[in-house]
Amino acid sequence: DESSFITSALRHSEGVDQGTVLNLLGALCDYCLLRGDLYRLGEISELTRSVDQGLLERSVQWRTGIAARQLGELDKARTTLSSVVGLYREAHHDSGAALALCSLGITLH
């Protein structure tokens, strides 16, 4: 599967422009969200932690919550999105917190 190949390549992206890597990770997240691929989103989350990109990590977690909701895993979605709200608040990122709260509200409804 192409997302597996890309994820594997990203693990060995030392010396590559980090902006390019982050853009590719963001696109891969969107692809996984559309497919509902929670496993691959988890791998991407690990990658974002390893490059210490807080905003991207929060974004990956938000997409993971949305994907869980789409797959009917409402407890996982609620837990993940609640955590994302807290992460955005800790980072003083009001628009991200608002987006996560909106997604959480839809999940709880």
PDB file of N, CA and C in Angstrom:
ATOM      1  N   ASP A   1       0.845  -1.185   0.000  1.00  0.00           N
ATOM      2  CA  ASP A   1       0.000   0.000   0.000  1.00  0.00           C
ATOM      3  C   ASP A   1       0.890   1.247   0.000  1.00  0.00           C
ATOM      4  N   GLU A   2       0.513   2.230  -0.804  1.00  0.00           N
ATOM      5  CA  GLU A   2       1.375   3.408  -0.979  1.00  0.00           C
ATOM      6  C   GLU A   2       1.574   4.207   0.302  1.00  0.00           C
ATOM      7  N   SER A   3       0.568   4.278   1.172  1.00  0.00           N
ATOM      8  CA  SER A   3       0.741   5.047   2.408  1.00  0.00           C
ATOM      9  C   SER A   3       1.770   4.382   3.319  1.00  0.00           C
ATOM     10  N   SER A   4       1.838   3.064   3.293  1.00  0.00           N
ATOM     11  CA  SER A   4       2.845   2.340   4.077  1.00  0.00           C
ATOM     12  C   SER A   4       4.248   2.655   3.561  1.00  0.00           C
ATOM     13  N   PHE A   5       4.393   2.680   2.244  1.00  0.00           N
ATOM     14  CA  PHE A   5       5.687   3.000   1.634  1.00  0.00           C
ATOM     15  C   PHE A   5       6.119   4.420   1.993  1.00  0.00           C
ATOM     16  N   ILE A   6       5.191   5.376   1.907  1.00  0.00           N
ATOM     17  CA  ILE A   6       5.513   6.775   2.211  1.00  0.00           C
ATOM     18  C   ILE A   6       5.879   6.925   3.680  1.00  0.00           C
ATOM     19  N   THR A   7       5.114   6.303   4.564  1.00  0.00           N
ATOM     20  CA  THR A   7       5.398   6.382   5.993  1.00  0.00           C
ATOM     21  C   THR A   7       6.783   5.822   6.293  1.00  0.00           C
ATOM     22  N   SER A   8       7.110   4.700   5.670  1.00  0.00           N
ATOM     23  CA  SER A   8       8.429   4.096   5.868  1.00  0.00           C
ATOM     24  C   SER A   8       9.534   5.025   5.374  1.00  0.00           C
ATOM     25  N   ALA A   9       9.338   5.642   4.228  1.00  0.00           N
ATOM     26  CA  ALA A   9      10.340   6.565   3.686  1.00  0.00           C
ATOM     27  C   ALA A   9      10.519   7.772   4.603  1.00  0.00           C
ATOM     28  N   LEU A  10       9.420   8.251   5.184  1.00  0.00           N
ATOM     29  CA  LEU A  10       9.494   9.416   6.065  1.00  0.00           C
ATOM     30  C   LEU A  10      10.267   9.121   7.347  1.00  0.00           C
ATOM     31  N   ARG A  11      10.261   7.872   7.769  1.00  0.00           N
ATOM     32  CA  ARG A  11      11.017   7.499   8.970  1.00  0.00           C
ATOM     33  C   ARG A  11      12.522   7.702   8.765  1.00  0.00           C
ATOM     34  N   HIS A  12      12.940   7.694   7.521  1.00  0.00           N
ATOM     35  CA  HIS A  12      14.364   7.812   7.197  1.00  0.00           C
ATOM     36  C   HIS A  12      14.631   9.086   6.402  1.00  0.00           C
ATOM     37  N   SER A  13      14.040  10.184   6.835  1.00  0.00           N
ATOM     38  CA  SER A  13      14.118  11.435   6.070  1.00  0.00           C
ATOM     39  C   SER A  13      15.147  12.413   6.631  1.00  0.00           C
ATOM     40  N   GLU A  14      16.143  11.900   7.318  1.00  0.00           N
ATOM     41  CA  GLU A  14      17.192  12.769   7.855  1.00  0.00           C
ATOM     42  C   GLU A  14      17.900  13.480   6.708  1.00  0.00           C
ATOM     43  N   GLY A  15      18.185  14.759   6.897  1.00  0.00           N
ATOM     44  CA  GLY A  15      18.865  15.535   5.880  1.00  0.00           C
ATOM     45  C   GLY A  15      17.952  16.100   4.810  1.00  0.00           C
ATOM     46  N   VAL A  16      16.664  15.787   4.893  1.00  0.00           N
ATOM     47  CA  VAL A  16      15.687  16.289   3.928  1.00  0.00           C
ATOM     48  C   VAL A  16      15.052  17.545   4.505  1.00  0.00           C
ATOM     49  N   ASP A  17      14.687  18.480   3.644  1.00  0.00           N
ATOM     50  CA  ASP A  17      14.040  19.712   4.076  1.00  0.00           C
ATOM     51  C   ASP A  17      12.814  19.386   4.932  1.00  0.00           C
ATOM     52  N   GLN A  18      12.819  19.852   6.187  1.00  0.00           N
ATOM     53  CA  GLN A  18      11.742  19.527   7.126  1.00  0.00           C
ATOM     54  C   GLN A  18      10.397  20.102   6.690  1.00  0.00           C
ATOM     55  N   GLY A  19      10.404  21.240   6.018  1.00  0.00           N
ATOM     56  CA  GLY A  19       9.154  21.808   5.512  1.00  0.00           C
ATOM     57  C   GLY A  19       8.482  20.872   4.525  1.00  0.00           C
ATOM     58  N   THR A  20       9.287  20.271   3.666  1.00  0.00           N
ATOM     59  CA  THR A  20       8.768  19.312   2.691  1.00  0.00           C
ATOM     60  C   THR A  20       8.216  18.082   3.395  1.00  0.00           C
ATOM     61  N   VAL A  21       8.943  17.596   4.383  1.00  0.00           N
ATOM     62  CA  VAL A  21       8.495  16.427   5.143  1.00  0.00           C
ATOM     63  C   VAL A  21       7.167  16.729   5.834  1.00  0.00           C
ATOM     64  N   LEU A  22       7.055  17.894   6.453  1.00  0.00           N
ATOM     65  CA  LEU A  22       5.826  18.247   7.159  1.00  0.00           C
ATOM     66  C   LEU A  22       4.654  18.396   6.200  1.00  0.00           C
ATOM     67  N   ASN A  23       4.896  18.979   5.023  1.00  0.00           N
ATOM     68  CA  ASN A  23       3.825  19.090   4.027  1.00  0.00           C
ATOM     69  C   ASN A  23       3.363  17.718   3.562  1.00  0.00           C
ATOM     70  N   LEU A  24       4.306  16.811   3.358  1.00  0.00           N
ATOM     71  CA  LEU A  24       3.961  15.459   2.944  1.00  0.00           C
ATOM     72  C   LEU A  24       3.194  14.727   4.043  1.00  0.00           C
ATOM     73  N   LEU A  25       3.614  14.915   5.292  1.00  0.00           N
ATOM     74  CA  LEU A  25       2.887  14.303   6.413  1.00  0.00           C
ATOM     75  C   LEU A  25       1.451  14.814   6.475  1.00  0.00           C
ATOM     76  N   GLY A  26       1.262  16.118   6.277  1.00  0.00           N
ATOM     77  CA  GLY A  26      -0.083  16.681   6.289  1.00  0.00           C
ATOM     78  C   GLY A  26      -0.956  16.094   5.194  1.00  0.00           C
ATOM     79  N   ALA A  27      -0.403  15.968   3.994  1.00  0.00           N
ATOM     80  CA  ALA A  27      -1.154  15.380   2.880  1.00  0.00           C
ATOM     81  C   ALA A  27      -1.470  13.912   3.150  1.00  0.00           C
ATOM     82  N   LEU A  28      -0.511  13.198   3.715  1.00  0.00           N
ATOM     83  CA  LEU A  28      -0.728  11.791   4.036  1.00  0.00           C
ATOM     84  C   LEU A  28      -1.812  11.644   5.105  1.00  0.00           C
ATOM     85  N   CYS A  29      -1.844  12.567   6.055  1.00  0.00           N
ATOM     86  CA  CYS A  29      -2.898  12.553   7.082  1.00  0.00           C
ATOM     87  C   CYS A  29      -4.272  12.698   6.442  1.00  0.00           C
ATOM     88  N   ASP A  30      -4.394  13.637   5.514  1.00  0.00           N
ATOM     89  CA  ASP A  30      -5.676  13.837   4.841  1.00  0.00           C
ATOM     90  C   ASP A  30      -6.091  12.589   4.075  1.00  0.00           C
ATOM     91  N   TYR A  31      -5.134  11.957   3.416  1.00  0.00           N
ATOM     92  CA  TYR A  31      -5.404  10.728   2.675  1.00  0.00           C
ATOM     93  C   TYR A  31      -5.899   9.628   3.625  1.00  0.00           C
ATOM     94  N   CYS A  32      -5.224   9.476   4.750  1.00  0.00           N
ATOM     95  CA  CYS A  32      -5.613   8.455   5.732  1.00  0.00           C
ATOM     96  C   CYS A  32      -6.972   8.769   6.341  1.00  0.00           C
ATOM     97  N   LEU A  33      -7.255  10.048   6.560  1.00  0.00           N
ATOM     98  CA  LEU A  33      -8.559  10.443   7.091  1.00  0.00           C
ATOM     99  C   LEU A  33      -9.657  10.042   6.116  1.00  0.00           C
ATOM    100  N   LEU A  34      -9.448  10.320   4.837  1.00  0.00           N
ATOM    101  CA  LEU A  34     -10.447   9.960   3.827  1.00  0.00           C
ATOM    102  C   LEU A  34     -10.677   8.456   3.770  1.00  0.00           C
ATOM    103  N   ARG A  35      -9.628   7.685   4.014  1.00  0.00           N
ATOM    104  CA  ARG A  35      -9.739   6.226   3.994  1.00  0.00           C
ATOM    105  C   ARG A  35     -10.178   5.646   5.333  1.00  0.00           C
ATOM    106  N   GLY A  36     -10.165   6.472   6.392  1.00  0.00           N
ATOM    107  CA  GLY A  36     -10.497   5.966   7.720  1.00  0.00           C
ATOM    108  C   GLY A  36      -9.421   5.044   8.260  1.00  0.00           C
ATOM    109  N   ASP A  37      -8.175   5.309   7.919  1.00  0.00           N
ATOM    110  CA  ASP A  37      -7.049   4.447   8.290  1.00  0.00           C
ATOM    111  C   ASP A  37      -6.462   4.887   9.636  1.00  0.00           C
ATOM    112  N   LEU A  38      -7.068   4.407  10.724  1.00  0.00           N
ATOM    113  CA  LEU A  38      -6.618   4.776  12.065  1.00  0.00           C
ATOM    114  C   LEU A  38      -5.209   4.271  12.361  1.00  0.00           C
ATOM    115  N   TYR A  39      -4.888   3.102  11.851  1.00  0.00           N
ATOM    116  CA  TYR A  39      -3.557   2.543  12.106  1.00  0.00           C
ATOM    117  C   TYR A  39      -2.474   3.460  11.543  1.00  0.00           C
ATOM    118  N   ARG A  40      -2.635   3.853  10.293  1.00  0.00           N
ATOM    119  CA  ARG A  40      -1.630   4.702   9.652  1.00  0.00           C
ATOM    120  C   ARG A  40      -1.590   6.080  10.307  1.00  0.00           C
ATOM    121  N   LEU A  41      -2.741   6.611  10.725  1.00  0.00           N
ATOM    122  CA  LEU A  41      -2.746   7.889  11.441  1.00  0.00           C
ATOM    123  C   LEU A  41      -1.949   7.778  12.737  1.00  0.00           C
ATOM    124  N   GLY A  42      -2.026   6.621  13.394  1.00  0.00           N
ATOM    125  CA  GLY A  42      -1.228   6.398  14.599  1.00  0.00           C
ATOM    126  C   GLY A  42       0.263   6.418  14.300  1.00  0.00           C
ATOM    127  N   GLU A  43       0.651   5.809  13.184  1.00  0.00           N
ATOM    128  CA  GLU A  43       2.066   5.836  12.790  1.00  0.00           C
ATOM    129  C   GLU A  43       2.525   7.260  12.498  1.00  0.00           C
ATOM    130  N   ILE A  44       1.680   8.025  11.827  1.00  0.00           N
ATOM    131  CA  ILE A  44       2.033   9.406  11.503  1.00  0.00           C
ATOM    132  C   ILE A  44       2.150  10.224  12.780  1.00  0.00           C
ATOM    133  N   SER A  45       1.290   9.948  13.740  1.00  0.00           N
ATOM    134  CA  SER A  45       1.356  10.644  15.021  1.00  0.00           C
ATOM    135  C   SER A  45       2.707  10.402  15.693  1.00  0.00           C
ATOM    136  N   GLU A  46       3.187   9.154  15.644  1.00  0.00           N
ATOM    137  CA  GLU A  46       4.510   8.841  16.197  1.00  0.00           C
ATOM    138  C   GLU A  46       5.607   9.615  15.470  1.00  0.00           C
ATOM    139  N   LEU A  47       5.495   9.702  14.152  1.00  0.00           N
ATOM    140  CA  LEU A  47       6.489  10.444  13.371  1.00  0.00           C
ATOM    141  C   LEU A  47       6.502  11.917  13.754  1.00  0.00           C
ATOM    142  N   THR A  48       5.333  12.503  13.940  1.00  0.00           N
ATOM    143  CA  THR A  48       5.285  13.930  14.282  1.00  0.00           C
ATOM    144  C   THR A  48       5.876  14.174  15.661  1.00  0.00           C
ATOM    145  N   ARG A  49       5.696  13.214  16.579  1.00  0.00           N
ATOM    146  CA  ARG A  49       6.322  13.357  17.898  1.00  0.00           C
ATOM    147  C   ARG A  49       7.840  13.305  17.783  1.00  0.00           C
ATOM    148  N   SER A  50       8.332  12.469  16.886  1.00  0.00           N
ATOM    149  CA  SER A  50       9.783  12.321  16.756  1.00  0.00           C
ATOM    150  C   SER A  50      10.437  13.568  16.168  1.00  0.00           C
ATOM    151  N   VAL A  51       9.703  14.331  15.359  1.00  0.00           N
ATOM    152  CA  VAL A  51      10.264  15.577  14.819  1.00  0.00           C
ATOM    153  C   VAL A  51       9.805  16.780  15.633  1.00  0.00           C
ATOM    154  N   ASP A  52       9.054  16.521  16.711  1.00  0.00           N
ATOM    155  CA  ASP A  52       8.645  17.545  17.667  1.00  0.00           C
ATOM    156  C   ASP A  52       7.916  18.710  17.001  1.00  0.00           C
ATOM    157  N   GLN A  53       6.880  18.380  16.253  1.00  0.00           N
ATOM    158  CA  GLN A  53       6.066  19.400  15.605  1.00  0.00           C
ATOM    159  C   GLN A  53       4.703  19.419  16.289  1.00  0.00           C
ATOM    160  N   GLY A  54       4.560  20.262  17.295  1.00  0.00           N
ATOM    161  CA  GLY A  54       3.349  20.299  18.102  1.00  0.00           C
ATOM    162  C   GLY A  54       2.090  20.556  17.310  1.00  0.00           C
ATOM    163  N   LEU A  55       2.124  21.545  16.411  1.00  0.00           N
ATOM    164  CA  LEU A  55       0.928  21.871  15.642  1.00  0.00           C
ATOM    165  C   LEU A  55       0.520  20.705  14.759  1.00  0.00           C
ATOM    166  N   LEU A  56       1.478  20.092  14.098  1.00  0.00           N
ATOM    167  CA  LEU A  56       1.163  18.953  13.244  1.00  0.00           C
ATOM    168  C   LEU A  56       0.678  17.776  14.074  1.00  0.00           C
ATOM    169  N   GLU A  57       1.277  17.562  15.231  1.00  0.00           N
ATOM    170  CA  GLU A  57       0.843  16.462  16.099  1.00  0.00           C
ATOM    171  C   GLU A  57      -0.610  16.656  16.525  1.00  0.00           C
ATOM    172  N   ARG A  58      -0.965  17.885  16.898  1.00  0.00           N
ATOM    173  CA  ARG A  58      -2.359  18.158  17.275  1.00  0.00           C
ATOM    174  C   ARG A  58      -3.286  17.941  16.087  1.00  0.00           C
ATOM    175  N   SER A  59      -2.841  18.347  14.915  1.00  0.00           N
ATOM    176  CA  SER A  59      -3.634  18.176  13.708  1.00  0.00           C
ATOM    177  C   SER A  59      -3.845  16.699  13.381  1.00  0.00           C
ATOM    178  N   VAL A  60      -2.808  15.899  13.555  1.00  0.00           N
ATOM    179  CA  VAL A  60      -2.922  14.455  13.321  1.00  0.00           C
ATOM    180  C   VAL A  60      -3.905  13.851  14.318  1.00  0.00           C
ATOM    181  N   GLN A  61      -3.809  14.247  15.574  1.00  0.00           N
ATOM    182  CA  GLN A  61      -4.723  13.724  16.588  1.00  0.00           C
ATOM    183  C   GLN A  61      -6.168  14.119  16.275  1.00  0.00           C
ATOM    184  N   TRP A  62      -6.370  15.354  15.815  1.00  0.00           N
ATOM    185  CA  TRP A  62      -7.714  15.803  15.445  1.00  0.00           C
ATOM    186  C   TRP A  62      -8.262  14.917  14.321  1.00  0.00           C
ATOM    187  N   ARG A  63      -7.437  14.667  13.300  1.00  0.00           N
ATOM    188  CA  ARG A  63      -7.865  13.814  12.185  1.00  0.00           C
ATOM    189  C   ARG A  63      -8.152  12.391  12.667  1.00  0.00           C
ATOM    190  N   THR A  64      -7.378  11.921  13.640  1.00  0.00           N
ATOM    191  CA  THR A  64      -7.608  10.585  14.189  1.00  0.00           C
ATOM    192  C   THR A  64      -8.976  10.518  14.863  1.00  0.00           C
ATOM    193  N   GLY A  65      -9.323  11.567  15.608  1.00  0.00           N
ATOM    194  CA  GLY A  65     -10.640  11.615  16.242  1.00  0.00           C
ATOM    195  C   GLY A  65     -11.765  11.625  15.224  1.00  0.00           C
ATOM    196  N   ILE A  66     -11.591  12.393  14.158  1.00  0.00           N
ATOM    197  CA  ILE A  66     -12.600  12.452  13.097  1.00  0.00           C
ATOM    198  C   ILE A  66     -12.740  11.084  12.429  1.00  0.00           C
ATOM    199  N   ALA A  67     -11.620  10.449  12.115  1.00  0.00           N
ATOM    200  CA  ALA A  67     -11.654   9.133  11.475  1.00  0.00           C
ATOM    201  C   ALA A  67     -12.327   8.110  12.383  1.00  0.00           C
ATOM    202  N   ALA A  68     -12.040   8.154  13.678  1.00  0.00           N
ATOM    203  CA  ALA A  68     -12.673   7.224  14.619  1.00  0.00           C
ATOM    204  C   ALA A  68     -14.185   7.427  14.622  1.00  0.00           C
ATOM    205  N   ARG A  69     -14.618   8.682  14.598  1.00  0.00           N
ATOM    206  CA  ARG A  69     -16.059   8.965  14.554  1.00  0.00           C
ATOM    207  C   ARG A  69     -16.666   8.405  13.277  1.00  0.00           C
ATOM    208  N   GLN A  70     -15.994   8.598  12.147  1.00  0.00           N
ATOM    209  CA  GLN A  70     -16.507   8.104  10.872  1.00  0.00           C
ATOM    210  C   GLN A  70     -16.626   6.587  10.852  1.00  0.00           C
ATOM    211  N   LEU A  71     -15.753   5.925  11.594  1.00  0.00           N
ATOM    212  CA  LEU A  71     -15.781   4.463  11.657  1.00  0.00           C
ATOM    213  C   LEU A  71     -16.722   3.942  12.739  1.00  0.00           C
ATOM    214  N   GLY A  72     -17.378   4.857  13.464  1.00  0.00           N
ATOM    215  CA  GLY A  72     -18.318   4.455  14.502  1.00  0.00           C
ATOM    216  C   GLY A  72     -17.683   4.155  15.841  1.00  0.00           C
ATOM    217  N   GLU A  73     -16.400   4.440  15.994  1.00  0.00           N
ATOM    218  CA  GLU A  73     -15.706   4.222  17.263  1.00  0.00           C
ATOM    219  C   GLU A  73     -15.855   5.486  18.111  1.00  0.00           C
ATOM    220  N   LEU A  74     -17.067   5.682  18.629  1.00  0.00           N
ATOM    221  CA  LEU A  74     -17.410   6.949  19.274  1.00  0.00           C
ATOM    222  C   LEU A  74     -16.654   7.188  20.576  1.00  0.00           C
ATOM    223  N   ASP A  75     -16.390   6.141  21.353  1.00  0.00           N
ATOM    224  CA  ASP A  75     -15.618   6.330  22.589  1.00  0.00           C
ATOM    225  C   ASP A  75     -14.201   6.801  22.281  1.00  0.00           C
ATOM    226  N   LYS A  76     -13.576   6.171  21.297  1.00  0.00           N
ATOM    227  CA  LYS A  76     -12.223   6.583  20.897  1.00  0.00           C
ATOM    228  C   LYS A  76     -12.255   8.007  20.352  1.00  0.00           C
ATOM    229  N   ALA A  77     -13.260   8.323  19.553  1.00  0.00           N
ATOM    230  CA  ALA A  77     -13.381   9.669  18.986  1.00  0.00           C
ATOM    231  C   ALA A  77     -13.536  10.704  20.093  1.00  0.00           C
ATOM    232  N   ARG A  78     -14.407  10.426  21.054  1.00  0.00           N
ATOM    233  CA  ARG A  78     -14.643  11.363  22.152  1.00  0.00           C
ATOM    234  C   ARG A  78     -13.372  11.579  22.965  1.00  0.00           C
ATOM    235  N   THR A  79     -12.712  10.492  23.311  1.00  0.00           N
ATOM    236  CA  THR A  79     -11.484  10.585  24.097  1.00  0.00           C
ATOM    237  C   THR A  79     -10.397  11.351  23.346  1.00  0.00           C
ATOM    238  N   THR A  80     -10.214  11.013  22.090  1.00  0.00           N
ATOM    239  CA  THR A  80      -9.172  11.658  21.283  1.00  0.00           C
ATOM    240  C   THR A  80      -9.458  13.142  21.105  1.00  0.00           C
ATOM    241  N   LEU A  81     -10.697  13.478  20.752  1.00  0.00           N
ATOM    242  CA  LEU A  81     -11.037  14.883  20.514  1.00  0.00           C
ATOM    243  C   LEU A  81     -10.988  15.700  21.805  1.00  0.00           C
ATOM    244  N   SER A  82     -11.375  15.102  22.929  1.00  0.00           N
ATOM    245  CA  SER A  82     -11.254  15.807  24.213  1.00  0.00           C
ATOM    246  C   SER A  82      -9.795  16.125  24.509  1.00  0.00           C
ATOM    247  N   SER A  83      -8.933  15.166  24.225  1.00  0.00           N
ATOM    248  CA  SER A  83      -7.499  15.369  24.420  1.00  0.00           C
ATOM    249  C   SER A  83      -6.974  16.477  23.507  1.00  0.00           C
ATOM    250  N   VAL A  84      -7.446  16.503  22.272  1.00  0.00           N
ATOM    251  CA  VAL A  84      -7.003  17.512  21.308  1.00  0.00           C
ATOM    252  C   VAL A  84      -7.415  18.913  21.759  1.00  0.00           C
ATOM    253  N   VAL A  85      -8.623  19.037  22.301  1.00  0.00           N
ATOM    254  CA  VAL A  85      -9.069  20.339  22.820  1.00  0.00           C
ATOM    255  C   VAL A  85      -8.083  20.820  23.876  1.00  0.00           C
ATOM    256  N   GLY A  86      -7.714  19.929  24.787  1.00  0.00           N
ATOM    257  CA  GLY A  86      -6.755  20.283  25.834  1.00  0.00           C
ATOM    258  C   GLY A  86      -5.392  20.664  25.278  1.00  0.00           C
ATOM    259  N   LEU A  87      -4.933  19.936  24.261  1.00  0.00           N
ATOM    260  CA  LEU A  87      -3.630  20.239  23.656  1.00  0.00           C
ATOM    261  C   LEU A  87      -3.625  21.619  23.000  1.00  0.00           C
ATOM    262  N   TYR A  88      -4.707  21.937  22.297  1.00  0.00           N
ATOM    263  CA  TYR A  88      -4.786  23.261  21.668  1.00  0.00           C
ATOM    264  C   TYR A  88      -4.869  24.363  22.721  1.00  0.00           C
ATOM    265  N   ARG A  89      -5.615  24.105  23.789  1.00  0.00           N
ATOM    266  CA  ARG A  89      -5.710  25.113  24.856  1.00  0.00           C
ATOM    267  C   ARG A  89      -4.355  25.344  25.514  1.00  0.00           C
ATOM    268  N   GLU A  90      -3.624  24.259  25.781  1.00  0.00           N
ATOM    269  CA  GLU A  90      -2.286  24.390  26.380  1.00  0.00           C
ATOM    270  C   GLU A  90      -1.361  25.219  25.499  1.00  0.00           C
ATOM    271  N   ALA A  91      -1.545  25.093  24.194  1.00  0.00           N
ATOM    272  CA  ALA A  91      -0.696  25.818  23.243  1.00  0.00           C
ATOM    273  C   ALA A  91      -1.224  27.230  22.972  1.00  0.00           C
ATOM    274  N   HIS A  92      -2.322  27.607  23.644  1.00  0.00           N
ATOM    275  CA  HIS A  92      -2.950  28.916  23.444  1.00  0.00           C
ATOM    276  C   HIS A  92      -3.305  29.137  21.975  1.00  0.00           C
ATOM    277  N   HIS A  93      -3.807  28.083  21.349  1.00  0.00           N
ATOM    278  CA  HIS A  93      -4.191  28.117  19.932  1.00  0.00           C
ATOM    279  C   HIS A  93      -5.720  28.082  19.887  1.00  0.00           C
ATOM    280  N   ASP A  94      -6.327  29.274  19.988  1.00  0.00           N
ATOM    281  CA  ASP A  94      -7.778  29.374  20.137  1.00  0.00           C
ATOM    282  C   ASP A  94      -8.557  28.823  18.949  1.00  0.00           C
ATOM    283  N   SER A  95      -8.100  29.093  17.732  1.00  0.00           N
ATOM    284  CA  SER A  95      -8.848  28.611  16.570  1.00  0.00           C
ATOM    285  C   SER A  95      -8.796  27.083  16.484  1.00  0.00           C
ATOM    286  N   GLY A  96      -7.672  26.489  16.837  1.00  0.00           N
ATOM    287  CA  GLY A  96      -7.575  25.034  16.854  1.00  0.00           C
ATOM    288  C   GLY A  96      -8.471  24.426  17.920  1.00  0.00           C
ATOM    289  N   ALA A  97      -8.503  25.066  19.093  1.00  0.00           N
ATOM    290  CA  ALA A  97      -9.378  24.589  20.171  1.00  0.00           C
ATOM    291  C   ALA A  97     -10.837  24.678  19.747  1.00  0.00           C
ATOM    292  N   ALA A  98     -11.195  25.765  19.056  1.00  0.00           N
ATOM    293  CA  ALA A  98     -12.576  25.929  18.593  1.00  0.00           C
ATOM    294  C   ALA A  98     -12.946  24.842  17.588  1.00  0.00           C
ATOM    295  N   LEU A  99     -12.048  24.550  16.669  1.00  0.00           N
ATOM    296  CA  LEU A  99     -12.297  23.503  15.679  1.00  0.00           C
ATOM    297  C   LEU A  99     -12.454  22.144  16.357  1.00  0.00           C
ATOM    298  N   ALA A 100     -11.584  21.862  17.314  1.00  0.00           N
ATOM    299  CA  ALA A 100     -11.658  20.587  18.029  1.00  0.00           C
ATOM    300  C   ALA A 100     -12.943  20.495  18.857  1.00  0.00           C
ATOM    301  N   LEU A 101     -13.345  21.609  19.478  1.00  0.00           N
ATOM    302  CA  LEU A 101     -14.601  21.622  20.239  1.00  0.00           C
ATOM    303  C   LEU A 101     -15.798  21.383  19.332  1.00  0.00           C
ATOM    304  N   CYS A 102     -15.775  21.970  18.155  1.00  0.00           N
ATOM    305  CA  CYS A 102     -16.853  21.753  17.186  1.00  0.00           C
ATOM    306  C   CYS A 102     -16.936  20.271  16.816  1.00  0.00           C
ATOM    307  N   SER A 103     -15.795  19.671  16.537  1.00  0.00           N
ATOM    308  CA  SER A 103     -15.755  18.249  16.187  1.00  0.00           C
ATOM    309  C   SER A 103     -16.213  17.380  17.351  1.00  0.00           C
ATOM    310  N   LEU A 104     -15.820  17.762  18.558  1.00  0.00           N
ATOM    311  CA  LEU A 104     -16.249  17.025  19.744  1.00  0.00           C
ATOM    312  C   LEU A 104     -17.759  17.138  19.918  1.00  0.00           C
ATOM    313  N   GLY A 105     -18.300  18.333  19.704  1.00  0.00           N
ATOM    314  CA  GLY A 105     -19.746  18.530  19.808  1.00  0.00           C
ATOM    315  C   GLY A 105     -20.512  17.666  18.822  1.00  0.00           C
ATOM    316  N   ILE A 106     -20.023  17.586  17.598  1.00  0.00           N
ATOM    317  CA  ILE A 106     -20.665  16.737  16.587  1.00  0.00           C
ATOM    318  C   ILE A 106     -20.613  15.283  17.031  1.00  0.00           C
ATOM    319  N   THR A 107     -19.496  14.871  17.584  1.00  0.00           N
ATOM    320  CA  THR A 107     -19.335  13.487  18.039  1.00  0.00           C
ATOM    321  C   THR A 107     -20.294  13.173  19.183  1.00  0.00           C
ATOM    322  N   LEU A 108     -20.428  14.108  20.111  1.00  0.00           N
ATOM    323  CA  LEU A 108     -21.289  13.872  21.272  1.00  0.00           C
ATOM    324  C   LEU A 108     -22.770  13.938  20.921  1.00  0.00           C
ATOM    325  N   HIS A 109     -23.087  14.632  19.848  1.00  0.00           N
ATOM    326  CA  HIS A 109     -24.488  14.794  19.451  1.00  0.00           C
ATOM    327  C   HIS A 109     -25.000  13.489  18.922  1.00  0.00           C
TER     328      HIS A 109
END
